Protein backbone atom coordinates (compact mmCIF):
# COMPACT_ATOMS: atom_id res chain seq x y z
CA MET A 1 128.72 131.08 126.24
CA LYS A 2 132.03 132.05 124.65
CA GLU A 3 133.86 130.40 127.56
CA ILE A 4 131.97 127.15 126.98
CA ARG A 5 132.10 127.16 123.18
CA LYS A 6 135.87 127.54 123.07
CA HIS A 7 136.07 123.94 124.29
CA PHE A 8 134.26 122.76 121.14
CA PRO A 9 136.43 123.95 118.21
CA SER A 10 134.15 122.50 115.52
CA LEU A 11 131.59 125.16 116.47
CA ASN A 12 133.84 127.72 114.78
CA THR A 13 132.83 126.35 111.39
CA THR A 14 129.59 124.44 112.00
CA VAL A 15 126.18 125.18 113.49
CA TYR A 16 125.96 121.85 115.26
CA LEU A 17 122.34 120.79 115.81
CA ASP A 18 122.95 117.05 115.62
CA THR A 19 123.55 116.11 119.27
CA ALA A 20 120.60 113.68 119.01
CA ALA A 21 122.87 111.70 116.64
CA ASN A 22 126.05 112.17 118.64
CA GLY A 23 127.23 114.89 120.98
CA LEU A 24 130.39 116.91 120.69
CA ILE A 25 133.14 116.05 123.18
CA PRO A 26 134.62 119.00 125.09
CA LYS A 27 138.35 119.57 124.76
CA PRO A 28 139.12 118.88 128.47
CA VAL A 29 137.69 115.38 128.07
CA ILE A 30 139.82 114.82 124.96
CA ASP A 31 142.89 116.14 126.81
CA TRP A 32 142.27 113.68 129.67
CA ARG A 33 141.88 110.82 127.18
CA ARG A 34 145.20 111.73 125.53
CA ILE A 35 146.94 111.55 128.90
CA GLN A 36 145.49 108.08 129.46
CA ASP A 37 146.70 106.88 126.06
CA ASP A 38 150.12 108.40 126.70
CA ASP A 39 150.34 106.57 130.06
CA LEU A 40 149.33 103.30 128.40
CA LEU A 41 152.09 103.79 125.84
CA ASN A 42 154.89 105.03 128.08
CA ASN A 43 154.03 103.93 131.61
CA PRO A 44 151.82 100.82 131.44
CA VAL A 45 152.56 99.75 135.03
CA ALA A 46 151.21 102.99 136.46
CA PHE A 47 148.33 102.90 133.97
CA ARG A 48 147.29 99.48 135.23
CA ALA A 49 147.68 100.53 138.85
CA ASN A 50 145.23 103.40 138.33
CA HIS A 51 142.56 101.15 136.82
CA GLN A 52 140.42 100.65 139.93
CA GLU A 53 140.80 104.27 140.98
CA ILE A 54 139.40 105.53 137.65
CA ILE A 55 136.46 103.12 137.78
CA ALA A 56 135.69 104.03 141.38
CA ASP A 57 135.93 107.75 140.64
CA THR A 58 133.59 107.35 137.68
CA LYS A 59 130.96 105.54 139.73
CA ASN A 60 131.21 108.07 142.54
CA GLU A 61 130.68 110.92 140.08
CA ILE A 62 127.67 109.14 138.54
CA SER A 63 126.24 108.36 141.98
CA ARG A 64 126.44 111.98 143.09
CA PHE A 65 125.38 113.54 139.79
CA PHE A 66 122.34 111.33 139.24
CA GLY A 67 121.30 110.62 142.82
CA ALA A 68 121.87 106.86 142.73
CA SER A 69 123.48 104.61 145.33
CA LEU A 70 126.62 102.76 144.23
CA ASN A 71 125.04 99.31 144.45
CA THR A 72 122.50 100.33 141.80
CA ILE A 73 125.07 101.45 139.18
CA ALA A 74 126.79 99.39 136.49
CA LEU A 75 129.12 100.70 133.78
CA ILE A 76 128.15 99.31 130.37
CA PRO A 77 129.44 99.89 126.82
CA ASN A 78 126.08 101.17 125.52
CA PHE A 79 122.31 101.12 126.04
CA SER A 80 121.78 98.11 123.77
CA PHE A 81 124.11 95.93 125.85
CA GLY A 82 122.36 97.03 129.01
CA ILE A 83 118.78 96.42 127.88
CA ASN A 84 119.61 93.03 126.39
CA SER A 85 121.31 91.98 129.63
CA VAL A 86 118.29 93.06 131.68
CA LEU A 87 115.82 91.31 129.37
CA GLU A 88 117.79 88.06 129.63
CA GLY A 89 117.09 88.20 133.34
CA LEU A 90 113.32 88.60 133.03
CA PRO A 91 111.01 85.56 133.08
CA LYS A 92 109.75 84.43 129.69
CA ASN A 93 106.18 85.15 128.59
CA GLN A 94 105.86 88.26 130.73
CA LYS A 95 103.53 90.85 129.23
CA ILE A 96 105.53 93.92 128.22
CA LEU A 97 104.14 97.25 127.07
CA LEU A 98 106.14 99.12 124.42
CA LEU A 99 105.59 102.34 122.51
CA ASN A 100 104.92 101.83 118.82
CA ASN A 101 107.90 103.09 116.76
CA ASP A 102 110.10 103.66 119.80
CA TYR A 103 113.87 103.44 119.19
CA PRO A 104 114.84 100.09 117.60
CA SER A 105 117.25 99.22 120.44
CA VAL A 106 114.32 99.59 122.83
CA ASN A 107 111.75 97.55 120.94
CA TRP A 108 113.73 94.98 118.95
CA PRO A 109 115.32 93.21 121.94
CA VAL A 110 111.85 92.74 123.45
CA GLU A 111 110.17 91.70 120.20
CA SER A 112 112.88 89.14 119.44
CA ARG A 113 112.37 87.30 122.74
CA GLU A 114 109.60 85.16 124.16
CA PHE A 115 107.53 87.95 125.66
CA ASN A 116 103.88 88.83 125.27
CA VAL A 117 104.06 92.32 123.75
CA CYS A 118 101.43 95.07 123.61
CA TYR A 119 101.75 98.66 122.41
CA ALA A 120 100.71 102.26 122.98
CA GLU A 121 100.86 105.00 120.35
CA ILE A 122 103.25 107.95 120.42
CA ASP A 123 101.35 111.17 119.74
CA GLU A 124 100.15 114.29 121.52
CA ASN A 125 98.08 112.05 123.84
CA LEU A 126 101.01 109.83 124.80
CA GLU A 127 100.23 109.51 128.51
CA LYS A 128 96.54 108.83 127.92
CA ASN A 129 97.45 106.19 125.34
CA ILE A 130 99.78 104.49 127.83
CA GLU A 131 97.19 104.43 130.60
CA THR A 132 94.55 103.06 128.23
CA SER A 133 96.89 100.27 127.11
CA ILE A 134 97.78 99.39 130.69
CA GLU A 135 94.13 99.20 131.70
CA LYS A 136 93.37 97.02 128.68
CA HIS A 137 96.40 94.70 128.57
CA LYS A 138 97.58 94.73 132.21
CA PRO A 139 101.31 94.42 131.44
CA GLU A 140 103.88 93.48 134.08
CA VAL A 141 106.62 95.64 132.50
CA PHE A 142 106.61 98.96 130.62
CA ILE A 143 109.72 99.74 128.56
CA PHE A 144 110.08 103.16 126.91
CA SER A 145 112.35 106.03 125.91
CA ILE A 146 112.07 109.10 128.11
CA VAL A 147 112.58 111.27 125.02
CA GLN A 148 111.60 109.97 121.60
CA TRP A 149 114.40 109.86 119.04
CA LEU A 150 112.22 110.79 116.04
CA SER A 151 109.98 113.51 117.41
CA GLY A 152 111.57 114.69 120.66
CA ILE A 153 108.34 113.97 122.55
CA LYS A 154 109.20 113.67 126.26
CA ILE A 155 107.15 111.59 128.64
CA ASP A 156 105.68 113.43 131.62
CA PHE A 157 107.46 112.49 134.87
CA ASN A 158 104.44 113.46 136.95
CA PHE A 159 102.44 110.98 134.91
CA LEU A 160 105.06 108.29 135.57
CA LYS A 161 104.84 108.98 139.31
CA GLN A 162 101.06 108.68 139.21
CA LEU A 163 101.38 105.51 137.16
CA LYS A 164 103.76 103.97 139.67
CA ASN A 165 101.47 104.88 142.56
CA LYS A 166 98.49 103.33 140.79
CA TYR A 167 100.39 100.24 139.59
CA PRO A 168 103.22 99.72 142.11
CA ASN A 169 104.11 96.30 140.67
CA LEU A 170 104.51 97.64 137.13
CA LEU A 171 108.24 97.50 136.36
CA LEU A 172 109.29 100.72 134.63
CA ILE A 173 112.36 100.33 132.40
CA ALA A 174 113.55 103.45 130.57
CA ASP A 175 116.03 104.49 127.91
CA GLY A 176 117.65 107.77 128.95
CA THR A 177 119.98 108.19 125.97
CA GLN A 178 118.12 111.19 124.51
CA TYR A 179 117.44 112.65 127.95
CA LEU A 180 120.26 112.43 130.48
CA GLY A 181 122.45 115.50 130.26
CA THR A 182 119.62 117.90 129.38
CA GLU A 183 118.04 118.53 132.80
CA VAL A 184 118.59 117.60 136.44
CA PHE A 185 117.62 113.99 137.13
CA ASN A 186 117.65 112.06 140.41
CA PHE A 187 117.30 108.32 139.92
CA GLU A 188 116.30 107.38 143.46
CA ASP A 189 113.60 110.05 143.56
CA SER A 190 112.23 109.05 140.16
CA PRO A 191 109.51 106.44 139.60
CA ILE A 192 111.75 104.54 137.17
CA ASP A 193 112.97 101.11 138.32
CA VAL A 194 115.59 100.46 135.65
CA LEU A 195 117.32 103.08 133.52
CA ALA A 196 119.95 102.46 130.86
CA THR A 197 121.71 105.03 128.73
CA SER A 198 124.47 105.51 126.22
CA CYS A 199 126.55 108.59 127.02
CA TYR A 200 127.76 109.71 123.58
CA LYS A 201 124.91 112.12 122.97
CA TRP A 202 123.80 114.72 125.56
CA LEU A 203 126.33 113.56 128.17
CA THR A 204 129.13 114.33 125.65
CA SER A 205 131.53 111.60 126.77
CA GLY A 206 132.13 109.87 123.44
CA PHE A 207 131.37 106.38 122.20
CA GLY A 208 131.80 103.09 124.04
CA ASN A 209 130.34 104.05 127.41
CA GLY A 210 126.99 103.89 129.14
CA ILE A 211 125.31 103.53 132.51
CA LEU A 212 122.80 101.04 133.87
CA PHE A 213 120.80 101.88 137.00
CA ILE A 214 118.68 99.25 138.77
CA LYS A 215 116.94 100.13 142.03
CA GLU A 216 117.37 97.72 144.92
CA THR A 217 113.58 97.35 145.10
CA ALA A 218 113.57 96.01 141.53
CA GLN A 219 116.61 93.75 141.66
CA HIS A 220 114.63 90.73 142.85
CA ARG A 221 112.59 90.92 139.63
CA ILE A 222 115.66 90.29 137.46
CA SER A 223 117.90 87.19 137.34
CA PRO A 224 120.92 88.27 135.27
CA LYS A 225 122.71 85.66 133.17
CA THR A 226 125.80 87.72 132.33
CA ILE A 227 128.90 87.02 134.42
CA GLY A 228 132.65 86.86 134.08
CA PHE A 229 135.93 88.06 135.52
CA ASN A 230 135.38 91.37 137.35
CA SER A 231 131.90 90.28 138.40
CA ALA A 232 133.31 88.68 141.54
CA ALA A 233 135.64 90.51 143.92
CA THR A 234 138.77 88.33 143.47
CA PHE A 235 140.08 85.33 141.55
CA GLU A 236 139.42 83.27 144.67
CA SER A 237 135.72 84.25 144.72
CA SER A 238 133.11 81.86 143.38
CA ALA A 239 130.46 82.80 140.84
CA SER A 240 127.83 82.63 143.58
CA ASP A 241 129.64 85.42 145.45
CA THR A 242 128.83 87.92 142.70
CA ALA A 243 126.91 91.00 143.81
CA PHE A 244 123.75 91.58 141.76
CA ILE A 245 124.84 94.75 139.94
CA LYS A 246 128.28 93.28 139.10
CA HIS A 247 126.61 90.72 136.83
CA PHE A 248 126.31 93.55 134.33
CA GLU A 249 130.06 94.27 134.34
CA PRO A 250 131.69 91.04 133.14
CA GLY A 251 135.27 91.23 131.92
CA HIS A 252 137.88 93.95 131.96
CA GLN A 253 136.50 97.47 132.00
CA ASP A 254 137.59 100.21 129.62
CA THR A 255 138.98 102.96 131.83
CA LEU A 256 139.48 105.30 128.86
CA ASN A 257 135.83 105.28 127.81
CA TYR A 258 134.24 104.86 131.25
CA GLY A 259 136.51 107.48 132.76
CA SER A 260 135.32 109.88 130.08
CA ILE A 261 131.87 109.86 131.71
CA ALA A 262 133.35 111.25 134.92
CA GLN A 263 135.31 113.88 133.00
CA ALA A 264 132.22 114.98 131.08
CA ILE A 265 130.27 115.29 134.33
CA LYS A 266 133.05 117.38 135.84
CA PHE A 267 133.04 119.59 132.76
CA GLN A 268 129.32 120.29 133.18
CA GLU A 269 129.77 121.08 136.85
CA GLN A 270 132.65 123.44 136.09
CA PHE A 271 130.15 125.74 134.40
CA GLY A 272 127.20 124.83 136.63
CA ARG A 273 124.72 122.33 135.30
CA ASP A 274 121.77 124.49 136.33
CA VAL A 275 123.14 127.26 134.11
CA LEU A 276 123.75 124.87 131.23
CA TYR A 277 120.35 123.22 131.51
CA GLN A 278 118.62 126.60 131.62
CA GLN A 279 120.41 127.42 128.36
CA ILE A 280 118.97 124.25 126.81
CA LYS A 281 115.48 125.04 128.11
CA SER A 282 115.50 128.66 126.97
CA ILE A 283 116.73 128.05 123.44
CA SER A 284 114.44 125.02 123.01
CA GLU A 285 111.36 127.02 124.04
CA LEU A 286 112.35 129.79 121.63
CA ALA A 287 112.94 127.22 118.89
CA LYS A 288 109.49 125.68 119.38
CA GLU A 289 107.85 129.11 119.13
CA SER A 290 109.79 129.89 115.95
CA PHE A 291 109.12 126.52 114.31
CA THR A 292 105.44 126.82 115.19
CA GLU A 293 105.22 130.22 113.48
CA LEU A 294 106.77 128.71 110.34
CA GLY A 295 104.38 125.75 110.40
CA LEU A 296 107.21 123.22 110.63
CA LEU A 297 105.96 121.06 113.52
CA SER A 298 103.53 118.16 113.48
CA ASN A 299 100.39 118.11 115.60
CA LYS A 300 102.08 115.49 117.79
CA THR A 301 104.56 118.12 118.91
CA LEU A 302 102.25 121.13 118.84
CA GLY A 303 99.83 119.38 121.19
CA ARG A 304 102.44 118.85 123.91
CA ARG A 305 102.82 121.37 126.73
CA ASN A 306 106.37 120.34 127.67
CA HIS A 307 108.78 119.25 124.98
CA SER A 308 112.44 118.22 124.85
CA SER A 309 115.25 119.95 122.97
CA ILE A 310 114.76 117.72 119.89
CA PHE A 311 112.50 118.72 117.00
CA ASN A 312 111.50 117.03 113.77
CA LEU A 313 110.94 119.71 111.15
CA GLN A 314 108.44 118.85 108.43
CA CYS A 315 110.81 119.56 105.56
CA ASP A 316 112.06 117.56 102.57
CA LYS A 317 115.48 116.43 101.36
CA ASP A 318 116.01 119.60 99.34
CA VAL A 319 115.81 121.64 102.53
CA PHE A 320 118.16 119.19 104.24
CA LYS A 321 120.66 119.65 101.41
CA ARG A 322 120.41 123.43 101.76
CA LEU A 323 121.01 123.23 105.50
CA ARG A 324 124.11 121.11 105.02
CA GLU A 325 125.40 123.49 102.34
CA ASN A 326 125.11 126.24 104.95
CA ASN A 327 127.17 124.26 107.48
CA ILE A 328 124.22 123.27 109.65
CA ALA A 329 124.63 119.77 111.04
CA CYS A 330 121.34 117.86 111.37
CA SER A 331 119.83 114.50 110.38
CA LEU A 332 117.12 113.13 108.14
CA ARG A 333 114.85 111.13 110.43
CA GLY A 334 111.39 109.77 109.77
CA ASN A 335 109.48 112.13 107.47
CA GLY A 336 111.49 115.22 108.32
CA ILE A 337 114.70 116.83 109.49
CA ARG A 338 115.75 116.35 113.09
CA VAL A 339 117.52 119.15 114.94
CA GLY A 340 118.47 119.35 118.60
CA PHE A 341 119.77 122.12 120.88
CA HIS A 342 122.38 121.52 123.57
CA TYR A 343 124.09 123.80 126.06
CA TYR A 344 126.76 124.73 123.52
CA ASN A 345 124.15 126.10 121.10
CA THR A 346 123.19 129.77 121.02
CA LYS A 347 120.35 131.99 119.84
CA GLU A 348 122.62 132.89 116.93
CA ASP A 349 122.64 129.20 115.91
CA LEU A 350 118.85 129.21 115.95
CA GLU A 351 118.69 132.46 114.00
CA HIS A 352 121.02 131.08 111.32
CA LEU A 353 118.88 127.94 111.06
CA LEU A 354 115.69 130.01 110.71
CA GLN A 355 117.30 132.24 108.10
CA VAL A 356 118.22 129.26 105.92
CA LEU A 357 114.81 127.63 106.41
CA LYS A 358 113.07 130.81 105.25
CA GLN A 359 115.08 130.85 102.01
CA GLY A 360 112.74 128.24 100.56
């Protein structure tokens, strides 16, 4: 862990448990970004010449890391851009199932358009609630976060597979922002049809970059409206020549921010993502046990067999103030304090958190 943590200098002074708000960026990614800025300043011709190479390298890294073919991947500035672009391509008046109180960037874009919306509740019976709502409302699309931003509740992938088998025409659209970068994920093997994510949290690649995945089997369900230079192959190409996935990449692409995704992936692989993800799993399981003993978790979390690395502690603002005074980075969310554990966190971080929590 010392070898990993040395690449995150802020950890020397802060117990950082706020990755669910934004992740720390490892020093090698920052170093790579500085080289790019230096080339832009001092050697702009070479910088421009490397543009396509950086974009291609980024997509190849994403394809390999997440098990997705290249023609299903688009580079986007953030999740919100991606989901809005996808929704613009869906027929009006479709019935869409959402989760009540899911992340605003998941629900608001749907609720602000001409769709027929129904809901399922987020609690310890999440999967049962979803199946009940589907049986009752018979939606054509289900849009959801894989991991909930407020509670850390993670949807069961086995349930999603069963759901897709039972309702093969149900379009599954997911937000992976609070999930990707915490455990191994293969897009093609998953039941999800469309997945969008911002990469500034658990993928630790900074702001201004995201990924959109759309399976070939789902592309006929979406008629994208976005288009522009870069969508077509050359200036001589016509708009009708645009490949489906390129509709989601209009305009010049930001090699600094998009290239940071590839660098962050390479950083994880340098230390072995299986090792890093096991660190997340181990400390999160220990955290849940400890929080349970202190009576800090809601029944929604306690009733779940498998949970994510995000927890909402049932504490007030006075406790939050005390945590911040003790250099513990976290966030007030909902009716509690949200903390999250990433691969750069240690048991010592958890012990320090527990020590401060017990002071009250």
